[in-house]
PDB file of N, CA and C in Angstrom:
ATOM      1  N   MET A   1     -19.886  23.897  86.518  1.00  0.00           N
ATOM      2  CA  MET A   1     -20.530  23.170  85.438  1.00  0.00           C
ATOM      3  C   MET A   1     -21.962  22.812  85.804  1.00  0.00           C
ATOM      4  N   PHE A   2     -22.187  22.380  87.046  1.00  0.00           N
ATOM      5  CA  PHE A   2     -23.528  22.020  87.491  1.00  0.00           C
ATOM      6  C   PHE A   2     -24.486  23.192  87.335  1.00  0.00           C
ATOM      7  N   THR A   3     -24.046  24.389  87.662  1.00  0.00           N
ATOM      8  CA  THR A   3     -24.875  25.581  87.528  1.00  0.00           C
ATOM      9  C   THR A   3     -25.256  25.814  86.074  1.00  0.00           C
ATOM     10  N   GLN A   4     -24.311  25.620  85.182  1.00  0.00           N
ATOM     11  CA  GLN A   4     -24.599  25.777  83.754  1.00  0.00           C
ATOM     12  C   GLN A   4     -25.640  24.766  83.301  1.00  0.00           C
ATOM     13  N   LEU A   5     -25.543  23.545  83.791  1.00  0.00           N
ATOM     14  CA  LEU A   5     -26.514  22.525  83.417  1.00  0.00           C
ATOM     15  C   LEU A   5     -27.907  22.902  83.903  1.00  0.00           C
ATOM     16  N   LEU A   6     -27.982  23.420  85.108  1.00  0.00           N
ATOM     17  CA  LEU A   6     -29.287  23.830  85.625  1.00  0.00           C
ATOM     18  C   LEU A   6     -29.883  24.961  84.796  1.00  0.00           C
ATOM     19  N   GLU A   7     -29.048  25.884  84.357  1.00  0.00           N
ATOM     20  CA  GLU A   7     -29.536  26.973  83.512  1.00  0.00           C
ATOM     21  C   GLU A   7     -30.107  26.438  82.205  1.00  0.00           C
ATOM     22  N   VAL A   8     -29.450  25.454  81.625  1.00  0.00           N
ATOM     23  CA  VAL A   8     -29.960  24.841  80.396  1.00  0.00           C
ATOM     24  C   VAL A   8     -31.329  24.232  80.655  1.00  0.00           C
ATOM     25  N   LEU A   9     -31.470  23.545  81.764  1.00  0.00           N
ATOM     26  CA  LEU A   9     -32.729  22.890  82.071  1.00  0.00           C
ATOM     27  C   LEU A   9     -33.830  23.890  82.401  1.00  0.00           C
ATOM     28  N   LYS A  10     -33.491  24.975  83.082  1.00  0.00           N
ATOM     29  CA  LYS A  10     -34.484  25.982  83.443  1.00  0.00           C
ATOM     30  C   LYS A  10     -35.081  26.655  82.225  1.00  0.00           C
ATOM     31  N   THR A  11     -34.309  26.807  81.187  1.00  0.00           N
ATOM     32  CA  THR A  11     -34.803  27.477  79.992  1.00  0.00           C
ATOM     33  C   THR A  11     -35.488  26.506  79.032  1.00  0.00           C
ATOM     34  N   ASP A  12     -35.597  25.251  79.452  1.00  0.00           N
ATOM     35  CA  ASP A  12     -36.210  24.223  78.610  1.00  0.00           C
ATOM     36  C   ASP A  12     -35.518  24.101  77.263  1.00  0.00           C
ATOM     37  N   ASP A  13     -34.251  24.459  77.209  1.00  0.00           N
ATOM     38  CA  ASP A  13     -33.472  24.341  75.987  1.00  0.00           C
ATOM     39  C   ASP A  13     -32.944  22.914  75.898  1.00  0.00           C
ATOM     40  N   LEU A  14     -33.565  22.149  75.039  1.00  0.00           N
ATOM     41  CA  LEU A  14     -33.159  20.761  74.885  1.00  0.00           C
ATOM     42  C   LEU A  14     -32.369  20.544  73.601  1.00  0.00           C
ATOM     43  N   ALA A  15     -31.746  21.607  73.103  1.00  0.00           N
ATOM     44  CA  ALA A  15     -30.964  21.517  71.869  1.00  0.00           C
ATOM     45  C   ALA A  15     -29.824  20.522  71.988  1.00  0.00           C
ATOM     46  N   TRP A  16     -29.344  20.275  73.208  1.00  0.00           N
ATOM     47  CA  TRP A  16     -28.269  19.314  73.423  1.00  0.00           C
ATOM     48  C   TRP A  16     -28.648  17.938  72.873  1.00  0.00           C
ATOM     49  N   GLN A  17     -29.943  17.637  72.844  1.00  0.00           N
ATOM     50  CA  GLN A  17     -30.386  16.326  72.361  1.00  0.00           C
ATOM     51  C   GLN A  17     -29.996  16.095  70.902  1.00  0.00           C
ATOM     52  N   ASP A  18     -29.901  17.175  70.141  1.00  0.00           N
ATOM     53  CA  ASP A  18     -29.509  17.049  68.734  1.00  0.00           C
ATOM     54  C   ASP A  18     -28.076  16.556  68.582  1.00  0.00           C
ATOM     55  N   LEU A  19     -27.267  16.713  69.618  1.00  0.00           N
ATOM     56  CA  LEU A  19     -25.854  16.324  69.570  1.00  0.00           C
ATOM     57  C   LEU A  19     -25.588  14.964  70.218  1.00  0.00           C
ATOM     58  N   ALA A  20     -26.628  14.339  70.731  1.00  0.00           N
ATOM     59  CA  ALA A  20     -26.472  13.093  71.482  1.00  0.00           C
ATOM     60  C   ALA A  20     -26.059  11.928  70.591  1.00  0.00           C
ATOM     61  N   ASN A  21     -25.149  11.106  71.093  1.00  0.00           N
ATOM     62  CA  ASN A  21     -24.707   9.912  70.375  1.00  0.00           C
ATOM     63  C   ASN A  21     -25.848   8.933  70.139  1.00  0.00           C
ATOM     64  N   CYS A  22     -26.848   8.949  71.006  1.00  0.00           N
ATOM     65  CA  CYS A  22     -27.952   7.998  70.892  1.00  0.00           C
ATOM     66  C   CYS A  22     -28.971   8.396  69.828  1.00  0.00           C
ATOM     67  N   ARG A  23     -28.857   9.589  69.321  1.00  0.00           N
ATOM     68  CA  ARG A  23     -29.803  10.058  68.309  1.00  0.00           C
ATOM     69  C   ARG A  23     -29.752   9.101  67.114  1.00  0.00           C
ATOM     70  N   GLY A  24     -30.877   8.507  66.811  1.00  0.00           N
ATOM     71  CA  GLY A  24     -30.971   7.571  65.707  1.00  0.00           C
ATOM     72  C   GLY A  24     -30.634   6.129  66.079  1.00  0.00           C
ATOM     73  N   ALA A  25     -30.170   5.912  67.300  1.00  0.00           N
ATOM     74  CA  ALA A  25     -29.855   4.547  67.753  1.00  0.00           C
ATOM     75  C   ALA A  25     -31.147   3.812  68.110  1.00  0.00           C
ATOM     76  N   ASP A  26     -31.067   2.526  68.184  1.00  0.00           N
ATOM     77  CA  ASP A  26     -32.213   1.694  68.546  1.00  0.00           C
ATOM     78  C   ASP A  26     -32.640   2.016  69.983  1.00  0.00           C
ATOM     79  N   PRO A  27     -33.859   2.520  70.171  1.00  0.00           N
ATOM     80  CA  PRO A  27     -34.324   2.871  71.525  1.00  0.00           C
ATOM     81  C   PRO A  27     -34.332   1.679  72.481  1.00  0.00           C
ATOM     82  N   ASP A  28     -34.478   0.469  71.948  1.00  0.00           N
ATOM     83  CA  ASP A  28     -34.490  -0.711  72.817  1.00  0.00           C
ATOM     84  C   ASP A  28     -33.177  -0.871  73.580  1.00  0.00           C
ATOM     85  N   LEU A  29     -32.089  -0.309  73.039  1.00  0.00           N
ATOM     86  CA  LEU A  29     -30.817  -0.361  73.755  1.00  0.00           C
ATOM     87  C   LEU A  29     -30.888   0.437  75.047  1.00  0.00           C
ATOM     88  N   PHE A  30     -31.624   1.533  75.024  1.00  0.00           N
ATOM     89  CA  PHE A  30     -31.688   2.456  76.162  1.00  0.00           C
ATOM     90  C   PHE A  30     -32.871   2.188  77.079  1.00  0.00           C
ATOM     91  N   PHE A  31     -33.792   1.346  76.624  1.00  0.00           N
ATOM     92  CA  PHE A  31     -34.948   0.958  77.418  1.00  0.00           C
ATOM     93  C   PHE A  31     -35.066  -0.564  77.372  1.00  0.00           C
ATOM     94  N   PRO A  32     -34.061  -1.258  77.935  1.00  0.00           N
ATOM     95  CA  PRO A  32     -34.019  -2.722  77.838  1.00  0.00           C
ATOM     96  C   PRO A  32     -35.081  -3.384  78.726  1.00  0.00           C
ATOM     97  N   GLU A  33     -35.410  -4.601  78.347  1.00  0.00           N
ATOM     98  CA  GLU A  33     -36.294  -5.411  79.181  1.00  0.00           C
ATOM     99  C   GLU A  33     -35.598  -5.665  80.513  1.00  0.00           C
ATOM    100  N   ARG A  34     -36.390  -5.939  81.522  1.00  0.00           N
ATOM    101  CA  ARG A  34     -35.834  -6.216  82.847  1.00  0.00           C
ATOM    102  C   ARG A  34     -34.814  -7.352  82.768  1.00  0.00           C
ATOM    103  N   GLY A  35     -33.640  -7.118  83.314  1.00  0.00           N
ATOM    104  CA  GLY A  35     -32.593  -8.120  83.345  1.00  0.00           C
ATOM    105  C   GLY A  35     -31.690  -8.127  82.120  1.00  0.00           C
ATOM    106  N   ALA A  36     -32.060  -7.367  81.079  1.00  0.00           N
ATOM    107  CA  ALA A  36     -31.236  -7.317  79.867  1.00  0.00           C
ATOM    108  C   ALA A  36     -30.017  -6.431  80.111  1.00  0.00           C
ATOM    109  N   SER A  37     -29.002  -6.636  79.334  1.00  0.00           N
ATOM    110  CA  SER A  37     -27.757  -5.884  79.485  1.00  0.00           C
ATOM    111  C   SER A  37     -27.936  -4.407  79.099  1.00  0.00           C
ATOM    112  N   THR A  38     -27.277  -3.556  79.846  1.00  0.00           N
ATOM    113  CA  THR A  38     -27.262  -2.119  79.551  1.00  0.00           C
ATOM    114  C   THR A  38     -25.881  -1.687  79.061  1.00  0.00           C
ATOM    115  N   ARG A  39     -25.004  -2.640  78.886  1.00  0.00           N
ATOM    116  CA  ARG A  39     -23.609  -2.355  78.547  1.00  0.00           C
ATOM    117  C   ARG A  39     -23.463  -1.536  77.263  1.00  0.00           C
ATOM    118  N   THR A  40     -24.194  -1.910  76.206  1.00  0.00           N
ATOM    119  CA  THR A  40     -24.074  -1.197  74.932  1.00  0.00           C
ATOM    120  C   THR A  40     -24.543   0.243  75.077  1.00  0.00           C
ATOM    121  N   ALA A  41     -25.690   0.437  75.718  1.00  0.00           N
ATOM    122  CA  ALA A  41     -26.225   1.790  75.907  1.00  0.00           C
ATOM    123  C   ALA A  41     -25.253   2.644  76.716  1.00  0.00           C
ATOM    124  N   LYS A  42     -24.746   2.100  77.795  1.00  0.00           N
ATOM    125  CA  LYS A  42     -23.820   2.854  78.634  1.00  0.00           C
ATOM    126  C   LYS A  42     -22.531   3.167  77.894  1.00  0.00           C
ATOM    127  N   GLY A  43     -22.116   2.276  77.004  1.00  0.00           N
ATOM    128  CA  GLY A  43     -20.931   2.531  76.190  1.00  0.00           C
ATOM    129  C   GLY A  43     -21.147   3.686  75.227  1.00  0.00           C
ATOM    130  N   ILE A  44     -22.328   3.756  74.648  1.00  0.00           N
ATOM    131  CA  ILE A  44     -22.670   4.872  73.764  1.00  0.00           C
ATOM    132  C   ILE A  44     -22.666   6.177  74.556  1.00  0.00           C
ATOM    133  N   CYS A  45     -23.234   6.144  75.742  1.00  0.00           N
ATOM    134  CA  CYS A  45     -23.285   7.336  76.598  1.00  0.00           C
ATOM    135  C   CYS A  45     -21.884   7.780  77.019  1.00  0.00           C
ATOM    136  N   ARG A  46     -21.041   6.823  77.326  1.00  0.00           N
ATOM    137  CA  ARG A  46     -19.689   7.133  77.811  1.00  0.00           C
ATOM    138  C   ARG A  46     -18.912   7.966  76.796  1.00  0.00           C
ATOM    139  N   GLU A  47     -19.180   7.777  75.517  1.00  0.00           N
ATOM    140  CA  GLU A  47     -18.475   8.492  74.455  1.00  0.00           C
ATOM    141  C   GLU A  47     -19.214   9.745  73.992  1.00  0.00           C
ATOM    142  N   CYS A  48     -20.295  10.114  74.661  1.00  0.00           N
ATOM    143  CA  CYS A  48     -21.165  11.201  74.208  1.00  0.00           C
ATOM    144  C   CYS A  48     -20.742  12.555  74.783  1.00  0.00           C
ATOM    145  N   SER A  49     -20.724  13.557  73.928  1.00  0.00           N
ATOM    146  CA  SER A  49     -20.311  14.902  74.356  1.00  0.00           C
ATOM    147  C   SER A  49     -21.362  15.601  75.212  1.00  0.00           C
ATOM    148  N   VAL A  50     -22.605  15.151  75.174  1.00  0.00           N
ATOM    149  CA  VAL A  50     -23.662  15.795  75.966  1.00  0.00           C
ATOM    150  C   VAL A  50     -24.136  14.892  77.110  1.00  0.00           C
ATOM    151  N   GLN A  51     -23.297  13.959  77.501  1.00  0.00           N
ATOM    152  CA  GLN A  51     -23.638  13.041  78.587  1.00  0.00           C
ATOM    153  C   GLN A  51     -24.019  13.783  79.872  1.00  0.00           C
ATOM    154  N   PRO A  52     -23.271  14.815  80.280  1.00  0.00           N
ATOM    155  CA  PRO A  52     -23.646  15.515  81.525  1.00  0.00           C
ATOM    156  C   PRO A  52     -25.033  16.172  81.440  1.00  0.00           C
ATOM    157  N   GLU A  53     -25.348  16.775  80.309  1.00  0.00           N
ATOM    158  CA  GLU A  53     -26.660  17.415  80.137  1.00  0.00           C
ATOM    159  C   GLU A  53     -27.778  16.376  80.178  1.00  0.00           C
ATOM    160  N   CYS A  54     -27.541  15.252  79.531  1.00  0.00           N
ATOM    161  CA  CYS A  54     -28.526  14.176  79.491  1.00  0.00           C
ATOM    162  C   CYS A  54     -28.782  13.629  80.889  1.00  0.00           C
ATOM    163  N   LEU A  55     -27.714  13.369  81.615  1.00  0.00           N
ATOM    164  CA  LEU A  55     -27.855  12.845  82.969  1.00  0.00           C
ATOM    165  C   LEU A  55     -28.582  13.833  83.860  1.00  0.00           C
ATOM    166  N   GLU A  56     -28.208  15.098  83.788  1.00  0.00           N
ATOM    167  CA  GLU A  56     -28.855  16.111  84.625  1.00  0.00           C
ATOM    168  C   GLU A  56     -30.341  16.247  84.275  1.00  0.00           C
ATOM    169  N   PHE A  57     -30.654  16.202  82.997  1.00  0.00           N
ATOM    170  CA  PHE A  57     -32.050  16.250  82.570  1.00  0.00           C
ATOM    171  C   PHE A  57     -32.847  15.106  83.207  1.00  0.00           C
ATOM    172  N   ALA A  58     -32.304  13.897  83.150  1.00  0.00           N
ATOM    173  CA  ALA A  58     -32.992  12.729  83.692  1.00  0.00           C
ATOM    174  C   ALA A  58     -33.148  12.819  85.204  1.00  0.00           C
ATOM    175  N   ILE A  59     -32.136  13.339  85.884  1.00  0.00           N
ATOM    176  CA  ILE A  59     -32.212  13.465  87.344  1.00  0.00           C
ATOM    177  C   ILE A  59     -33.248  14.515  87.727  1.00  0.00           C
ATOM    178  N   VAL A  60     -33.174  15.677  87.123  1.00  0.00           N
ATOM    179  CA  VAL A  60     -34.075  16.776  87.470  1.00  0.00           C
ATOM    180  C   VAL A  60     -35.523  16.451  87.104  1.00  0.00           C
ATOM    181  N   SER A  61     -35.721  15.755  85.997  1.00  0.00           N
ATOM    182  CA  SER A  61     -37.089  15.444  85.567  1.00  0.00           C
ATOM    183  C   SER A  61     -37.570  14.094  86.102  1.00  0.00           C
ATOM    184  N   SER A  62     -36.765  13.469  86.943  1.00  0.00           N
ATOM    185  CA  SER A  62     -37.116  12.189  87.584  1.00  0.00           C
ATOM    186  C   SER A  62     -37.539  11.117  86.579  1.00  0.00           C
ATOM    187  N   GLU A  63     -36.745  10.979  85.527  1.00  0.00           N
ATOM    188  CA  GLU A  63     -37.013   9.926  84.548  1.00  0.00           C
ATOM    189  C   GLU A  63     -37.019   8.577  85.264  1.00  0.00           C
ATOM    190  N   LYS A  64     -38.055   7.821  85.080  1.00  0.00           N
ATOM    191  CA  LYS A  64     -38.207   6.549  85.788  1.00  0.00           C
ATOM    192  C   LYS A  64     -37.656   5.358  85.019  1.00  0.00           C
ATOM    193  N   PHE A  65     -37.483   5.495  83.731  1.00  0.00           N
ATOM    194  CA  PHE A  65     -37.097   4.344  82.922  1.00  0.00           C
ATOM    195  C   PHE A  65     -35.921   4.675  82.023  1.00  0.00           C
ATOM    196  N   GLY A  66     -35.167   3.662  81.685  1.00  0.00           N
ATOM    197  CA  GLY A  66     -34.145   3.790  80.673  1.00  0.00           C
ATOM    198  C   GLY A  66     -32.785   4.237  81.172  1.00  0.00           C
ATOM    199  N   ILE A  67     -31.864   4.212  80.232  1.00  0.00           N
ATOM    200  CA  ILE A  67     -30.499   4.672  80.457  1.00  0.00           C
ATOM    201  C   ILE A  67     -30.428   6.104  79.952  1.00  0.00           C
ATOM    202  N   TRP A  68     -30.069   7.008  80.829  1.00  0.00           N
ATOM    203  CA  TRP A  68     -29.930   8.432  80.503  1.00  0.00           C
ATOM    204  C   TRP A  68     -28.586   8.879  81.043  1.00  0.00           C
ATOM    205  N   GLY A  69     -27.800   9.516  80.224  1.00  0.00           N
ATOM    206  CA  GLY A  69     -26.499   9.995  80.678  1.00  0.00           C
ATOM    207  C   GLY A  69     -25.605   8.889  81.189  1.00  0.00           C
ATOM    208  N   GLY A  70     -25.824   7.682  80.712  1.00  0.00           N
ATOM    209  CA  GLY A  70     -24.985   6.557  81.100  1.00  0.00           C
ATOM    210  C   GLY A  70     -25.360   5.896  82.410  1.00  0.00           C
ATOM    211  N   MET A  71     -26.525   6.254  82.951  1.00  0.00           N
ATOM    212  CA  MET A  71     -26.921   5.667  84.233  1.00  0.00           C
ATOM    213  C   MET A  71     -28.346   5.129  84.179  1.00  0.00           C
ATOM    214  N   SER A  72     -28.554   4.083  84.954  1.00  0.00           N
ATOM    215  CA  SER A  72     -29.883   3.490  85.082  1.00  0.00           C
ATOM    216  C   SER A  72     -30.718   4.317  86.061  1.00  0.00           C
ATOM    217  N   GLU A  73     -31.993   3.995  86.145  1.00  0.00           N
ATOM    218  CA  GLU A  73     -32.862   4.712  87.080  1.00  0.00           C
ATOM    219  C   GLU A  73     -32.390   4.506  88.515  1.00  0.00           C
ATOM    220  N   ARG A  74     -31.953   3.325  88.835  1.00  0.00           N
ATOM    221  CA  ARG A  74     -31.454   3.046  90.191  1.00  0.00           C
ATOM    222  C   ARG A  74     -30.245   3.925  90.510  1.00  0.00           C
ATOM    223  N   GLU A  75     -29.343   4.060  89.556  1.00  0.00           N
ATOM    224  CA  GLU A  75     -28.153   4.894  89.759  1.00  0.00           C
ATOM    225  C   GLU A  75     -28.533   6.370  89.887  1.00  0.00           C
ATOM    226  N   ARG A  76     -29.493   6.808  89.088  1.00  0.00           N
ATOM    227  CA  ARG A  76     -29.952   8.210  89.176  1.00  0.00           C
ATOM    228  C   ARG A  76     -30.675   8.471  90.489  1.00  0.00           C
ATOM    229  N   ARG A  77     -31.441   7.493  90.955  1.00  0.00           N
ATOM    230  CA  ARG A  77     -32.146   7.631  92.231  1.00  0.00           C
ATOM    231  C   ARG A  77     -31.151   7.824  93.369  1.00  0.00           C
ATOM    232  N   LYS A  78     -30.033   7.112  93.312  1.00  0.00           N
ATOM    233  CA  LYS A  78     -28.982   7.257  94.328  1.00  0.00           C
ATOM    234  C   LYS A  78     -28.428   8.682  94.326  1.00  0.00           C
ATOM    235  N   ILE A  79     -28.214   9.248  93.145  1.00  0.00           N
ATOM    236  CA  ILE A  79     -27.723  10.627  93.047  1.00  0.00           C
ATOM    237  C   ILE A  79     -28.743  11.589  93.631  1.00  0.00           C
ATOM    238  N   ARG A  80     -30.020  11.384  93.327  1.00  0.00           N
ATOM    239  CA  ARG A  80     -31.063  12.268  93.885  1.00  0.00           C
ATOM    240  C   ARG A  80     -31.073  12.202  95.416  1.00  0.00           C
ATOM    241  N   ARG A  81     -30.929  10.999  95.953  1.00  0.00           N
ATOM    242  CA  ARG A  81     -30.881  10.855  97.421  1.00  0.00           C
ATOM    243  C   ARG A  81     -29.674  11.571  98.007  1.00  0.00           C
ATOM    244  N   GLN A  82     -28.514  11.399  97.372  1.00  0.00           N
ATOM    245  CA  GLN A  82     -27.295  12.060  97.853  1.00  0.00           C
ATOM    246  C   GLN A  82     -27.455  13.575  97.819  1.00  0.00           C
ATOM    247  N   ARG A  83     -28.053  14.087  96.765  1.00  0.00           N
ATOM    248  CA  ARG A  83     -28.276  15.536  96.664  1.00  0.00           C
ATOM    249  C   ARG A  83     -29.245  16.021  97.732  1.00  0.00           C
ATOM    250  N   ALA A  84     -30.283  15.236  97.999  1.00  0.00           N
ATOM    251  CA  ALA A  84     -31.258  15.626  99.025  1.00  0.00           C
ATOM    252  C   ALA A  84     -30.594  15.671 100.397  1.00  0.00           C
ATOM    253  N   ILE A  85     -29.772  14.693 100.694  1.00  0.00           N
ATOM    254  CA  ILE A  85     -29.051  14.666 101.971  1.00  0.00           C
ATOM    255  C   ILE A  85     -28.109  15.861 102.085  1.00  0.00           C
ATOM    256  N   ALA A  86     -27.392  16.154 101.005  1.00  0.00           N
ATOM    257  CA  ALA A  86     -26.468  17.297 101.013  1.00  0.00           C
ATOM    258  C   ALA A  86     -27.237  18.600 101.213  1.00  0.00           C
ATOM    259  N   ALA A  87     -28.386  18.732 100.568  1.00  0.00           N
ATOM    260  CA  ALA A  87     -29.185  19.949 100.714  1.00  0.00           C
ATOM    261  C   ALA A  87     -29.690  20.096 102.145  1.00  0.00           C
ATOM    262  N   GLN A  88     -30.114  18.989 102.771  1.00  0.00           N
ATOM    263  CA  GLN A  88     -30.559  19.031 104.158  1.00  0.00           C
ATOM    264  C   GLN A  88     -29.432  19.450 105.085  1.00  0.00           C
ATOM    265  N   ARG A  89     -28.249  18.943 104.830  1.00  0.00           N
ATOM    266  CA  ARG A  89     -27.097  19.309 105.666  1.00  0.00           C
ATOM    267  C   ARG A  89     -26.761  20.783 105.523  1.00  0.00           C
ATOM    268  N   ARG A  90     -26.861  21.299 104.303  1.00  0.00           N
ATOM    269  CA  ARG A  90     -26.583  22.731 104.091  1.00  0.00           C
ATOM    270  C   ARG A  90     -27.612  23.587 104.832  1.00  0.00           C
ATOM    271  N   GLN A  91     -28.860  23.169 104.806  1.00  0.00           N
ATOM    272  CA  GLN A  91     -29.910  23.934 105.501  1.00  0.00           C
ATOM    273  C   GLN A  91     -29.730  23.860 107.002  1.00  0.00           C
ATOM    274  N   ALA A  92     -29.316  22.719 107.511  1.00  0.00           N
ATOM    275  CA  ALA A  92     -29.131  22.541 108.952  1.00  0.00           C
ATOM    276  C   ALA A  92     -27.873  23.228 109.465  1.00  0.00           C
ATOM    277  N   GLY A  93     -26.896  23.357 108.579  1.00  0.00           N
ATOM    278  CA  GLY A  93     -25.601  23.846 109.023  1.00  0.00           C
ATOM    279  C   GLY A  93     -25.478  25.295 108.941  1.00  0.00           C
TER     280      GLY A  93
END
């Protein structure tokens, strides 16, 4: 599945966005003020059929703000770090 997501991103095909549950939702839910709840946004993402594509897009493009694919920037940064460590181990091994 991860390979398929990368292929979507490589071709710059963002058609998945048309299917997103957040389409037409209040953007303030997904870009809350510091300290505001992200629960509603994450709930919308949790029920979304394109959540994996959205999350992968945000990780690969290093989105700095907002809730993407049900995760905050801090959560996405952790995934990027884990992937970097895994890639280093594969190269070393």
